[in-house]
Amino acid sequence: MNAENKNNPSKKKRVLRTLAVLILLAVLLPLATSYYVMASTENRILTPEEAAKLDADAILVLGARVWDDGQPSAILKDRLQKGVDLYEAGASDRLLMSGDHGQDDYDEVNAMKDYVVGQGVPSEVVFMDHAGFSTYESLYRARDIFQIKTIVIVSQQYHLYRALYIAERLGLNAYGVSCDRRVYNPYLLFSVRETLARCKDFFYSIFQPLPTYLGDVIPITGDGSATNG
């Protein structure tokens, strides 16, 4: 009984040390992965002036929240406006709006197209990807459905690192342009969420699962009206 009592503190210490190591790994692994994703793609983020010289196949605007009245949120509006600016600057003559239109009562992509057409972009050069349910799926479908090879991705800078990492692993010649125009609150929440998302998409980029939907090929060189609906 005495020997057992003597061993218990030692056993508890071993268990506590093991738990401490596991907790440390759970914190450090996402941080290390996030840093790697950022460091490996930061040189692919261009100024608008640099992107204007690319003559890319398309400018990809990644979706974000649309309000109940159909208006884009501030985050999405900034992405859309930067997409229009790049189109007008000559970065590409095609725009691809990719977002969530998985339900009848929630539609990011038509709101996105309405916005850029309202800014004077011809409807026929604006394509919609109704099944861009995630950054990974948007880029997978940009490659396989819309047959894009060289792409300019528009989003906030914190998001661009992940998008560019996925794009490169999928074999796309990808560049990013930041659309940051304001402080997006709550910043800490975005940072934590994005760190975890970079880890998820790091592994997605290794295994490359199929997106939720594929479907018929719609070449980006055609008429964007084919994606209306």
Protein backbone atom coordinates (compact mmCIF):
# COMPACT_ATOMS: atom_id res chain seq x y z
CA MET A 1 0.00 0.00 0.00
CA ASN A 2 2.87 2.34 0.87
CA ALA A 3 4.63 1.58 -2.43
CA GLU A 4 1.45 2.29 -4.36
CA ASN A 5 1.05 5.62 -2.61
CA LYS A 6 4.63 6.54 -3.44
CA ASN A 7 4.12 5.80 -7.16
CA ASN A 8 0.91 7.75 -7.55
CA PRO A 9 2.50 11.25 -7.51
CA SER A 10 5.04 10.15 -10.12
CA LYS A 11 2.29 8.71 -12.32
CA LYS A 12 0.26 11.91 -12.00
CA LYS A 13 3.26 13.99 -13.00
CA ARG A 14 3.77 11.85 -16.12
CA VAL A 15 0.13 12.24 -17.07
CA LEU A 16 0.29 16.01 -16.54
CA ARG A 17 3.47 16.28 -18.60
CA THR A 18 1.88 14.28 -21.42
CA LEU A 19 -1.21 16.49 -21.35
CA ALA A 20 0.96 19.61 -21.38
CA VAL A 21 2.86 18.35 -24.43
CA LEU A 22 -0.37 17.51 -26.24
CA ILE A 23 -1.85 20.93 -25.48
CA LEU A 24 1.35 22.61 -26.66
CA LEU A 25 1.27 20.64 -29.92
CA ALA A 26 -2.42 21.48 -30.41
CA VAL A 27 -1.51 25.17 -30.20
CA LEU A 28 1.80 25.14 -32.07
CA LEU A 29 0.79 22.94 -35.01
CA PRO A 30 -1.96 25.27 -36.30
CA LEU A 31 0.30 28.30 -35.75
CA ALA A 32 3.22 26.67 -37.59
CA THR A 33 0.99 25.56 -40.47
CA SER A 34 -0.57 29.01 -40.72
CA TYR A 35 2.86 30.64 -40.80
CA TYR A 36 4.04 28.25 -43.53
CA VAL A 37 0.99 28.98 -45.69
CA MET A 38 1.52 32.73 -45.32
CA ALA A 39 5.28 32.66 -45.90
CA SER A 40 4.99 30.48 -49.01
CA THR A 41 2.49 32.75 -50.75
CA GLU A 42 3.22 36.32 -49.67
CA ASN A 43 5.28 37.00 -52.81
CA ARG A 44 2.19 36.24 -54.94
CA ILE A 45 0.23 39.17 -53.51
CA LEU A 46 0.53 42.03 -55.97
CA THR A 47 -0.36 45.69 -56.12
CA PRO A 48 -3.26 46.58 -58.44
CA GLU A 49 -0.73 48.15 -60.82
CA GLU A 50 1.28 44.91 -61.01
CA ALA A 51 -1.86 42.81 -61.50
CA ALA A 52 -3.02 45.08 -64.35
CA LYS A 53 -0.10 43.80 -66.44
CA LEU A 54 -0.98 40.11 -66.12
CA ASP A 55 -3.76 39.72 -68.71
CA ALA A 56 -5.08 36.79 -66.66
CA ASP A 57 -7.83 34.41 -67.75
CA ALA A 58 -10.12 35.76 -65.02
CA ILE A 59 -10.44 37.85 -61.89
CA LEU A 60 -11.94 35.66 -59.18
CA VAL A 61 -13.98 37.44 -56.51
CA LEU A 62 -14.58 35.14 -53.56
CA GLY A 63 -17.99 35.30 -51.92
CA ALA A 64 -18.90 36.48 -48.45
CA ARG A 65 -22.00 37.39 -46.48
CA VAL A 66 -25.04 38.86 -48.25
CA TRP A 67 -27.73 40.46 -46.08
CA ASP A 68 -31.39 39.48 -46.13
CA ASP A 69 -32.22 42.43 -48.39
CA GLY A 70 -29.78 41.14 -51.02
CA GLN A 71 -27.11 43.74 -50.33
CA PRO A 72 -23.48 42.62 -49.98
CA SER A 73 -21.82 43.01 -46.61
CA ALA A 74 -18.94 45.46 -46.25
CA ILE A 75 -16.39 42.66 -46.64
CA LEU A 76 -18.00 41.48 -49.88
CA LYS A 77 -18.57 44.98 -51.24
CA ASP A 78 -14.87 45.76 -50.87
CA ARG A 79 -13.99 42.58 -52.76
CA LEU A 80 -16.44 43.40 -55.54
CA GLN A 81 -15.25 46.96 -55.95
CA LYS A 82 -11.64 45.85 -56.19
CA GLY A 83 -12.67 43.28 -58.79
CA VAL A 84 -14.30 46.03 -60.85
CA ASP A 85 -11.22 48.24 -60.47
CA LEU A 86 -8.96 45.43 -61.71
CA TYR A 87 -11.27 44.71 -64.64
CA GLU A 88 -11.20 48.36 -65.66
CA ALA A 89 -7.40 48.41 -65.27
CA GLY A 90 -7.06 45.49 -67.70
CA ALA A 91 -5.97 42.69 -65.34
CA SER A 92 -8.46 40.45 -67.19
CA ASP A 93 -11.52 40.82 -69.41
CA ARG A 94 -13.45 38.22 -67.38
CA LEU A 95 -14.85 38.26 -63.84
CA LEU A 96 -15.83 35.13 -61.93
CA MET A 97 -18.16 35.55 -58.96
CA SER A 98 -17.88 32.45 -56.75
CA GLY A 99 -20.00 31.99 -53.67
CA ASP A 100 -22.79 30.17 -51.91
CA HIS A 101 -26.09 29.70 -53.71
CA GLY A 102 -26.93 26.36 -52.18
CA GLN A 103 -30.42 27.43 -51.06
CA ASP A 104 -33.22 29.34 -52.75
CA ASP A 105 -33.37 31.87 -49.90
CA TYR A 106 -29.64 32.61 -49.79
CA ASP A 107 -27.81 33.78 -52.90
CA GLU A 108 -24.38 35.37 -52.86
CA VAL A 109 -23.52 35.12 -56.54
CA ASN A 110 -26.47 36.94 -58.11
CA ALA A 111 -25.99 39.76 -55.58
CA MET A 112 -22.33 39.86 -56.59
CA LYS A 113 -23.09 39.97 -60.30
CA ASP A 114 -25.78 42.64 -59.81
CA TYR A 115 -23.23 44.81 -58.01
CA VAL A 116 -20.51 44.66 -60.68
CA VAL A 117 -22.96 45.04 -63.57
CA GLY A 118 -24.33 48.06 -61.72
CA GLN A 119 -20.80 49.46 -61.81
CA GLY A 120 -20.78 49.25 -65.60
CA VAL A 121 -19.23 45.82 -66.25
CA PRO A 122 -20.98 44.08 -69.21
CA SER A 123 -23.13 41.17 -68.07
CA GLU A 124 -21.68 38.78 -70.66
CA VAL A 125 -18.17 38.94 -69.16
CA VAL A 126 -19.39 38.21 -65.61
CA PHE A 127 -19.58 34.50 -64.76
CA MET A 128 -21.21 33.04 -61.66
CA ASP A 129 -20.16 29.92 -59.79
CA HIS A 130 -23.23 28.99 -57.78
CA ALA A 131 -21.43 26.16 -55.93
CA GLY A 132 -18.44 28.01 -54.50
CA PHE A 133 -19.25 26.81 -50.99
CA SER A 134 -15.70 27.23 -49.72
CA THR A 135 -12.42 28.75 -50.83
CA TYR A 136 -11.15 25.30 -51.78
CA GLU A 137 -14.25 24.48 -53.83
CA SER A 138 -14.21 27.87 -55.56
CA LEU A 139 -10.66 27.31 -56.78
CA TYR A 140 -11.17 23.67 -57.71
CA ARG A 141 -14.18 24.64 -59.80
CA ALA A 142 -12.38 27.64 -61.31
CA ARG A 143 -9.86 25.17 -62.68
CA ASP A 144 -12.12 22.28 -63.71
CA ILE A 145 -15.44 23.93 -64.60
CA PHE A 146 -14.32 27.30 -65.93
CA GLN A 147 -11.02 26.04 -67.41
CA ILE A 148 -8.96 28.84 -65.87
CA LYS A 149 -5.18 28.59 -65.84
CA THR A 150 -3.99 32.07 -64.80
CA ILE A 151 -6.09 33.81 -62.19
CA VAL A 152 -6.16 36.97 -60.07
CA ILE A 153 -7.85 36.34 -56.74
CA VAL A 154 -9.50 39.22 -54.89
CA SER A 155 -10.12 39.11 -51.17
CA GLN A 156 -8.95 40.63 -47.90
CA GLN A 157 -5.24 40.03 -47.28
CA TYR A 158 -5.78 37.67 -44.33
CA HIS A 159 -7.76 35.40 -46.68
CA LEU A 160 -5.50 35.70 -49.73
CA TYR A 161 -2.67 33.61 -48.26
CA ARG A 162 -4.93 30.57 -47.97
CA ALA A 163 -6.59 31.09 -51.34
CA LEU A 164 -3.22 31.40 -53.07
CA TYR A 165 -1.85 28.33 -51.30
CA ILE A 166 -4.81 26.23 -52.46
CA ALA A 167 -4.61 27.61 -55.98
CA GLU A 168 -0.93 26.80 -56.37
CA ARG A 169 -1.40 23.26 -55.06
CA LEU A 170 -4.20 22.80 -57.60
CA GLY A 171 -1.82 23.82 -60.38
CA LEU A 172 -3.20 27.29 -61.05
CA ASN A 173 -0.94 30.21 -61.91
CA ALA A 174 -2.42 32.41 -59.23
CA TYR A 175 -1.87 35.93 -57.94
CA GLY A 176 -3.75 37.89 -55.31
CA VAL A 177 -4.77 41.50 -54.82
CA SER A 178 -5.86 42.73 -51.41
CA CYS A 179 -9.08 44.73 -51.16
CA ASP A 180 -8.61 45.93 -47.58
CA ARG A 181 -10.21 49.35 -47.18
CA ARG A 182 -11.18 49.37 -43.51
CA VAL A 183 -10.86 47.51 -40.21
CA TYR A 184 -13.08 44.45 -40.27
CA ASN A 185 -14.40 43.73 -36.81
CA PRO A 186 -13.95 41.58 -34.83
CA TYR A 187 -10.34 41.21 -36.04
CA LEU A 188 -9.37 38.62 -33.39
CA LEU A 189 -12.23 36.35 -34.44
CA PHE A 190 -11.14 36.55 -38.08
CA SER A 191 -7.54 35.75 -37.10
CA VAL A 192 -8.41 32.68 -35.05
CA ARG A 193 -10.86 31.38 -37.64
CA GLU A 194 -8.40 31.93 -40.48
CA THR A 195 -5.56 30.17 -38.64
CA LEU A 196 -7.74 27.07 -38.27
CA ALA A 197 -8.97 27.37 -41.87
CA ARG A 198 -5.39 27.46 -43.16
CA CYS A 199 -4.72 24.18 -41.36
CA LYS A 200 -7.84 22.59 -42.84
CA ASP A 201 -7.03 23.70 -46.37
CA PHE A 202 -3.38 22.70 -45.99
CA PHE A 203 -4.58 19.09 -45.70
CA TYR A 204 -7.29 19.56 -48.34
CA SER A 205 -4.56 20.66 -50.71
CA ILE A 206 -2.67 17.44 -50.05
CA PHE A 207 -5.57 15.03 -50.54
CA GLN A 208 -7.59 17.19 -52.99
CA PRO A 209 -11.09 15.80 -52.40
CA LEU A 210 -13.76 16.46 -55.01
CA PRO A 211 -15.94 19.52 -54.39
CA THR A 212 -19.61 19.16 -53.52
CA TYR A 213 -20.57 19.63 -57.17
CA LEU A 214 -18.73 19.57 -60.46
CA GLY A 215 -20.87 19.51 -63.62
CA ASP A 216 -20.55 20.63 -67.21
CA VAL A 217 -17.57 22.65 -68.35
CA ILE A 218 -18.30 26.38 -68.85
CA PRO A 219 -15.19 27.92 -70.44
CA ILE A 220 -14.36 31.35 -69.06
CA THR A 221 -13.71 32.42 -72.66
CA GLY A 222 -17.42 32.08 -73.50
CA ASP A 223 -20.51 34.07 -72.52
CA GLY A 224 -21.17 34.66 -68.83
CA SER A 225 -24.91 34.55 -69.53
CA ALA A 226 -24.59 30.75 -69.53
CA THR A 227 -24.27 30.92 -65.74
CA ASN A 228 -27.32 33.15 -65.13
CA GLY A 229 -30.01 31.77 -62.88
